[in-house]
Protein backbone atom coordinates (compact mmCIF):
# COMPACT_ATOMS: atom_id res chain seq x y z
CA MET A 1 0.02 -0.02 -0.02
CA PRO A 2 2.68 2.65 0.82
CA GLN A 3 4.33 2.00 -2.60
CA ALA A 4 1.03 2.59 -4.37
CA VAL A 5 0.55 5.86 -2.46
CA VAL A 6 4.05 7.08 -3.37
CA LEU A 7 3.45 6.27 -7.02
CA ALA A 8 0.13 8.12 -6.97
CA ALA A 9 1.01 11.12 -4.84
CA GLY A 10 4.82 11.31 -5.11
CA THR A 11 5.38 11.21 -1.35
CA LEU A 12 4.15 10.05 2.02
CA PRO A 13 3.65 11.77 5.38
CA PRO A 14 7.04 12.59 7.00
CA VAL A 15 8.84 9.88 8.91
CA HIS A 16 10.04 10.55 12.39
CA LEU A 17 13.76 10.10 13.01
CA ARG A 18 15.87 10.58 16.16
CA THR A 19 19.34 12.04 15.51
CA ARG A 20 22.32 10.02 16.58
CA GLU A 21 25.87 11.33 17.04
CA ASN A 22 28.35 9.59 14.70
CA ALA A 23 25.69 7.13 13.66
CA LEU A 24 22.72 6.70 11.35
CA HIS A 25 19.46 8.34 12.41
CA GLN A 26 17.10 6.03 14.33
CA VAL A 27 13.54 5.45 13.04
CA VAL A 28 10.87 6.44 15.56
CA ILE A 29 7.86 6.33 13.23
CA GLY A 30 7.69 5.30 9.63
CA PHE A 31 9.48 1.93 9.07
CA GLU A 32 7.11 0.87 6.33
CA ARG A 33 7.39 4.24 4.61
CA ILE A 34 11.17 3.95 4.52
CA VAL A 35 10.93 0.37 3.17
CA ALA A 36 8.52 1.65 0.41
CA TYR A 37 10.99 4.40 -0.56
CA ARG A 38 13.87 1.99 -0.69
CA GLN A 39 11.96 -0.49 -2.86
CA LEU A 40 11.12 2.34 -5.27
CA GLU A 41 14.79 3.48 -5.14
CA ILE A 42 13.75 6.96 -3.79
CA ASN A 43 16.66 8.28 -1.70
CA SER A 44 15.17 11.64 -0.68
CA PHE A 45 11.97 12.02 1.41
CA SER A 46 10.55 14.31 4.05
CA ALA A 47 11.30 13.68 7.73
CA LEU A 48 10.91 15.17 11.14
CA LEU A 49 14.15 15.08 13.14
CA TRP A 50 14.02 14.66 16.89
CA PRO A 51 17.10 15.29 19.04
CA ALA A 52 19.32 12.49 20.17
CA ALA A 53 18.37 13.37 23.71
CA LEU A 54 14.79 12.22 23.23
CA PRO A 55 14.29 9.42 25.72
CA ASP A 56 13.37 5.94 24.50
CA ARG A 57 10.14 5.91 26.47
CA ASP A 58 9.03 9.18 24.98
CA ALA A 59 9.80 8.00 21.46
CA LEU A 60 7.75 4.77 22.10
CA VAL A 61 4.84 6.75 23.48
CA MET A 62 4.93 8.97 20.34
CA ALA A 63 4.75 5.86 18.22
CA ALA A 64 1.77 4.56 20.14
CA ALA A 65 0.00 7.90 19.88
CA HIS A 66 0.71 8.05 16.20
CA HIS A 67 -1.29 4.83 15.81
CA ALA A 68 -4.08 6.21 17.92
CA LEU A 69 -4.28 9.19 15.61
CA GLY A 70 -4.96 7.09 12.65
CA SER A 71 -1.78 5.53 11.35
CA ALA A 72 -2.65 1.86 11.95
CA PHE A 73 0.12 -0.58 12.82
CA ASN A 74 0.11 -4.11 11.54
CA GLU A 75 0.23 -7.05 14.00
CA ALA A 76 3.98 -7.31 13.93
CA GLU A 77 4.47 -3.65 14.66
CA ARG A 78 2.01 -3.80 17.51
CA ALA A 79 3.88 -6.77 19.04
CA LEU A 80 7.29 -5.21 18.74
CA LEU A 81 6.12 -1.82 20.07
CA LEU A 82 4.37 -3.43 23.02
CA ALA A 83 7.51 -5.50 23.85
CA ARG A 84 9.63 -2.30 23.95
CA LEU A 85 6.96 -0.39 25.92
CA SER A 86 6.92 -3.24 28.47
CA ILE A 87 10.67 -2.57 29.16
CA HIS A 88 9.94 0.98 30.26
CA PHE A 89 6.47 0.82 31.84
CA GLU A 90 4.67 -1.38 34.28
CA SER A 91 2.38 -3.93 32.71
CA SER A 92 -0.64 -2.32 34.30
CA ARG A 93 0.10 0.91 32.50
CA VAL A 94 0.78 -0.79 29.23
CA ILE A 95 -2.59 -2.60 29.48
CA ALA A 96 -4.58 0.47 30.59
CA GLU A 97 -3.07 3.18 28.34
CA PHE A 98 -1.18 1.67 25.42
CA LEU A 99 -3.34 -1.25 24.37
CA PRO A 100 -6.28 1.07 23.65
CA MET A 101 -3.96 3.39 21.72
CA LEU A 102 -3.16 0.41 19.49
CA GLY A 103 -6.78 -0.48 18.98
CA LEU A 104 -6.69 -3.42 21.46
CA ASN A 105 -8.85 -4.12 24.47
CA PRO A 106 -7.13 -3.46 27.79
CA ASN A 107 -6.65 -7.10 28.81
CA SER A 108 -3.68 -8.87 30.34
CA GLU A 109 -4.17 -11.90 28.08
CA ILE A 110 -3.99 -9.74 24.98
CA LEU A 111 -0.69 -8.22 26.17
CA ARG A 112 0.63 -11.71 26.88
CA ARG A 113 -0.20 -12.79 23.32
CA TYR A 114 1.51 -9.84 21.68
CA LEU A 115 4.57 -10.28 23.81
CA THR A 116 4.66 -13.88 22.71
CA LEU A 117 4.52 -12.75 19.08
CA ALA A 118 7.32 -10.31 19.69
CA ASN A 119 9.61 -13.28 20.74
CA LEU A 120 9.15 -15.19 17.49
CA GLU A 121 11.93 -15.47 14.93
CA GLU A 122 12.39 -12.51 12.63
CA VAL A 123 11.17 -14.46 9.58
CA LEU A 124 7.89 -15.16 11.30
CA ILE A 125 7.49 -11.57 12.43
CA GLN A 126 8.11 -10.34 8.88
CA ALA A 127 5.45 -12.77 7.60
CA LEU A 128 3.06 -11.54 10.31
CA GLY A 129 3.72 -7.94 9.29
CA LYS A 130 3.08 -8.68 5.63
CA GLY A 131 -0.13 -10.56 6.38
CA LYS A 132 1.21 -13.88 5.12
CA LEU A 133 0.69 -15.24 8.69
CA ASN A 134 -2.21 -14.18 10.81
CA ARG A 135 -2.05 -13.65 14.54
CA GLU A 136 -3.81 -16.81 15.64
CA ASN A 137 -1.62 -19.04 13.38
CA ALA A 138 1.52 -17.29 14.64
CA LEU A 139 0.47 -17.98 18.26
CA SER A 140 -0.15 -21.66 17.41
CA LEU A 141 3.35 -21.82 15.88
CA ALA A 142 4.74 -20.16 19.00
CA LYS A 143 3.63 -23.18 21.06
CA LEU A 144 5.97 -25.44 19.03
CA ASN A 145 9.76 -25.62 19.72
CA PRO A 146 11.89 -23.40 17.46
CA SER A 147 13.05 -26.38 15.20
CA ASP A 148 9.55 -27.67 14.60
CA ARG A 149 8.15 -24.11 14.25
CA LEU A 150 10.63 -23.04 11.58
CA ALA A 151 10.43 -26.33 9.69
CA LEU A 152 6.59 -26.12 9.46
CA PHE A 153 6.65 -22.35 8.63
CA ASN A 154 9.07 -22.90 5.82
CA VAL A 155 6.81 -25.54 4.31
CA ILE A 156 3.56 -23.57 4.54
CA SER A 157 5.29 -20.59 3.15
CA ALA A 158 6.84 -22.48 0.19
CA LEU A 159 3.47 -24.12 -0.57
CA GLY A 160 1.64 -20.72 -0.42
CA CYS A 161 -0.99 -22.09 1.98
CA ASN A 162 -3.86 -19.73 2.94
CA HIS A 163 -4.67 -18.95 6.56
CA ASN A 164 -7.28 -21.74 6.92
CA THR A 165 -4.92 -24.35 5.48
CA GLN A 166 -2.09 -23.12 7.66
CA LYS A 167 -4.33 -23.59 10.71
CA GLU A 168 -5.19 -27.12 9.68
CA LEU A 169 -1.58 -28.10 9.01
CA ILE A 170 -0.24 -26.59 12.23
CA GLU A 171 -2.91 -28.46 14.26
CA ASN A 172 -2.45 -31.78 12.48
CA ILE A 173 1.33 -31.75 12.57
CA ASN A 174 1.15 -30.97 16.27
CA ILE A 175 -1.27 -33.82 16.99
CA LEU A 176 0.61 -36.21 14.78
CA SER A 177 4.01 -35.54 16.39
CA ARG A 178 2.58 -36.14 19.81
CA ARG A 179 0.79 -39.33 18.75
CA GLU A 180 3.84 -40.79 17.11
CA ASN A 181 6.31 -39.43 19.69
CA GLN A 182 8.31 -37.78 16.89
CA THR A 183 9.30 -34.17 16.46
CA GLY A 184 7.51 -32.07 13.92
CA HIS A 185 10.90 -31.39 12.28
CA ASP A 186 11.53 -35.04 11.85
CA LEU A 187 8.11 -35.64 10.37
CA ILE A 188 8.45 -32.73 7.95
CA THR A 189 11.97 -33.61 6.84
CA GLY A 190 11.34 -37.37 6.61
CA PRO A 191 11.62 -39.20 3.27
CA ASP A 192 7.86 -39.49 2.62
CA SER A 193 7.32 -35.77 3.21
CA MET A 194 10.33 -34.71 1.18
CA ALA A 195 9.29 -36.95 -1.71
CA ILE A 196 6.28 -34.70 -2.14
CA LEU A 197 7.94 -31.36 -1.33
CA ASP A 198 10.97 -31.97 -3.67
CA ASP A 199 8.95 -33.25 -6.56
CA SER A 200 9.65 -30.69 -9.33
CA ARG A 201 7.16 -32.31 -11.76
CA ILE A 202 4.08 -30.88 -9.95
CA ASP A 203 3.01 -27.31 -9.51
CA GLN A 204 2.64 -25.56 -6.19
CA PRO A 205 -1.15 -26.04 -5.64
CA THR A 206 -0.92 -29.74 -6.49
CA LYS A 207 2.06 -30.19 -4.21
CA ALA A 208 0.29 -28.35 -1.38
CA GLU A 209 -2.79 -30.61 -1.71
CA ARG A 210 -0.67 -33.81 -1.84
CA TRP A 211 1.29 -32.81 1.23
CA ARG A 212 -1.95 -31.89 3.06
CA ARG A 213 -3.46 -35.22 2.05
CA TRP A 214 -0.30 -37.09 3.18
CA ILE A 215 -0.59 -35.64 6.66
CA LYS A 216 -4.33 -36.30 6.78
CA ASN A 217 -3.82 -39.91 5.74
CA LYS A 218 -1.16 -40.48 8.40
CA LEU A 219 -3.49 -38.93 11.05
CA PHE A 220 -6.72 -40.51 9.95
CA PRO A 221 -5.86 -43.43 7.60
CA ARG A 222 -9.25 -45.15 7.68
CA LEU A 223 -11.16 -41.91 7.27
CA THR A 224 -8.93 -40.84 4.35
CA GLN A 225 -9.42 -44.17 2.62
CA ALA A 226 -13.20 -43.88 3.16
CA GLU A 227 -13.21 -40.44 1.62
CA GLU A 228 -11.27 -41.53 -1.42
CA THR A 229 -13.58 -44.54 -1.99
CA TYR A 230 -16.65 -42.36 -1.47
CA HIS A 231 -15.49 -39.83 -4.01
CA ARG A 232 -14.69 -42.54 -6.52
CA LEU A 233 -18.00 -44.34 -6.13
CA THR A 234 -20.10 -41.12 -6.27
CA ALA A 235 -18.13 -39.36 -8.99
CA THR A 236 -20.92 -39.63 -11.57
CA ILE A 237 -23.57 -38.11 -9.29
CA ARG A 238 -21.33 -35.43 -7.95
CA SER A 239 -20.40 -34.39 -11.50
CA LEU A 240 -24.09 -33.27 -11.94
CA PRO A 241 -24.13 -29.54 -11.02
CA GLN A 242 -27.79 -29.73 -9.95
CA VAL A 243 -27.25 -32.61 -7.54
CA THR A 244 -25.55 -32.26 -4.10
CA LEU A 245 -24.76 -35.46 -2.05
CA LYS A 246 -23.70 -34.91 1.55
CA PRO A 247 -22.40 -37.82 3.72
CA PRO A 248 -22.83 -38.00 7.49
CA PRO A 249 -19.97 -36.44 9.50
CA PHE A 250 -16.91 -38.69 9.40
CA PHE A 251 -19.13 -41.28 7.63
CA GLU A 252 -20.58 -42.34 10.96
CA GLY A 253 -24.26 -43.16 10.91
CA ASN A 254 -26.49 -43.52 7.87
CA LYS A 255 -28.06 -40.06 7.49
CA TRP A 256 -27.20 -38.93 3.98
CA THR A 257 -28.56 -35.81 2.27
CA ILE A 258 -29.38 -35.32 -1.41
CA SER A 259 -30.32 -31.92 -2.73
CA LEU A 260 -31.72 -31.21 -6.13
CA SER A 261 -31.90 -27.86 -7.94
CA PHE A 262 -33.54 -27.40 -11.25
CA ASP A 263 -35.13 -24.70 -13.38
CA ASN A 264 -36.85 -26.79 -16.03
CA GLN A 265 -38.43 -30.16 -16.54
CA PRO A 266 -35.58 -31.70 -18.53
CA GLY A 267 -33.11 -30.85 -15.78
CA LEU A 268 -35.24 -32.43 -13.17
CA THR A 269 -35.81 -35.54 -15.30
CA ALA A 270 -32.06 -35.97 -15.90
CA SER A 271 -31.25 -35.68 -12.27
CA LEU A 272 -33.88 -38.16 -11.22
CA ALA A 273 -32.73 -40.60 -13.99
CA ALA A 274 -29.15 -40.37 -12.77
CA LEU A 275 -30.18 -41.04 -9.17
CA THR A 276 -32.40 -43.99 -10.28
CA LYS A 277 -29.57 -45.48 -12.29
CA ALA A 278 -27.20 -45.22 -9.33
CA ASP A 279 -29.76 -46.84 -7.04
CA GLU A 280 -30.31 -49.70 -9.54
CA ALA A 281 -26.54 -50.27 -9.49
CA GLY A 282 -26.65 -50.62 -5.68
CA LEU A 283 -24.81 -47.44 -4.81
CA PHE A 284 -27.17 -46.11 -2.21
CA GLY A 285 -27.47 -49.52 -0.61
CA LYS A 286 -23.69 -49.58 -0.12
CA LEU A 287 -23.64 -46.06 1.26
CA LEU A 288 -26.48 -46.69 3.74
CA ALA A 289 -25.02 -49.97 4.86
CA GLY A 290 -21.49 -48.56 5.19
CA SER A 291 -20.15 -51.44 3.14
CA PHE A 292 -18.06 -49.08 1.04
CA LEU A 293 -16.00 -48.42 4.18
CA GLU A 294 -14.87 -52.06 4.28
CA SER A 295 -14.32 -52.20 0.55
CA SER A 296 -11.98 -49.16 0.83
CA SER A 297 -9.59 -51.16 2.95
CA PHE A 298 -8.88 -53.74 0.35
CA SER A 299 -9.75 -52.14 -2.94
CA GLY A 300 -6.26 -50.66 -3.32
CA GLN A 301 -7.74 -47.92 -5.36
CA THR A 302 -7.53 -44.18 -4.75
CA GLU A 303 -8.40 -41.06 -6.58
CA PRO A 304 -6.20 -40.57 -9.59
CA ASP A 305 -3.64 -37.77 -9.31
CA GLU A 306 -4.49 -34.73 -11.34
């Protein structure tokens, strides 16, 4: 966003710098603006210079006030600022005064979470600041040991996973490592995992789906086989855009749902004919009896790779 503003308006609001004797000026407010100027190879921009004698705590309070006056900080900036404020002020004051300045509720648990974020590795903080990692997923990663955390983050970054997929993978790797008494790092860098991640023949989305499916299969082998068999058996019906077939949760029980949508008589007739044909072939009997679950264990067939 700052780059787009510079290109449109030619400049940004002044950055705030603190002068330093025999050293580069220190940025008080405007880190993202300076990054934007550098990326656009602009070496001259407006700035407000504060004296070297400006105390750290005053500079930090200025930064918090700057946010309160409309210059919103991203999650990483909030975390780093709160960590530095906590060095100079009691927690009670940080909670009561500075959390609201940063658009946060005055709550000790919120402060704790942001201080946790501030202690993450720089690469994760950068991803948090750029929106490639959201706050909740970053906090989930923070619960892992550094080796597991970085290994998993590197994979989800390389695969371009969205926030929902990141959440799923973080949870599943954590559960799987505990269940198999194996570190997340060892799981991720193991031969089965790397065979997928290092496969240069497949594109990123396909690789991400295969890796996600590999983890799911290790975590829920019977459920994964059941899903693959179900998708194969019902492919003809599910290919009809006007028919929706919904299995019971985790394929437990026999309450299945079929929905039809149509806007003319031929469409309705075709849908009913397809369902009747499937029933005559015994599909719905297998689904209701759950017999396809047993067949999935010895069929040896899975969905073909795209």
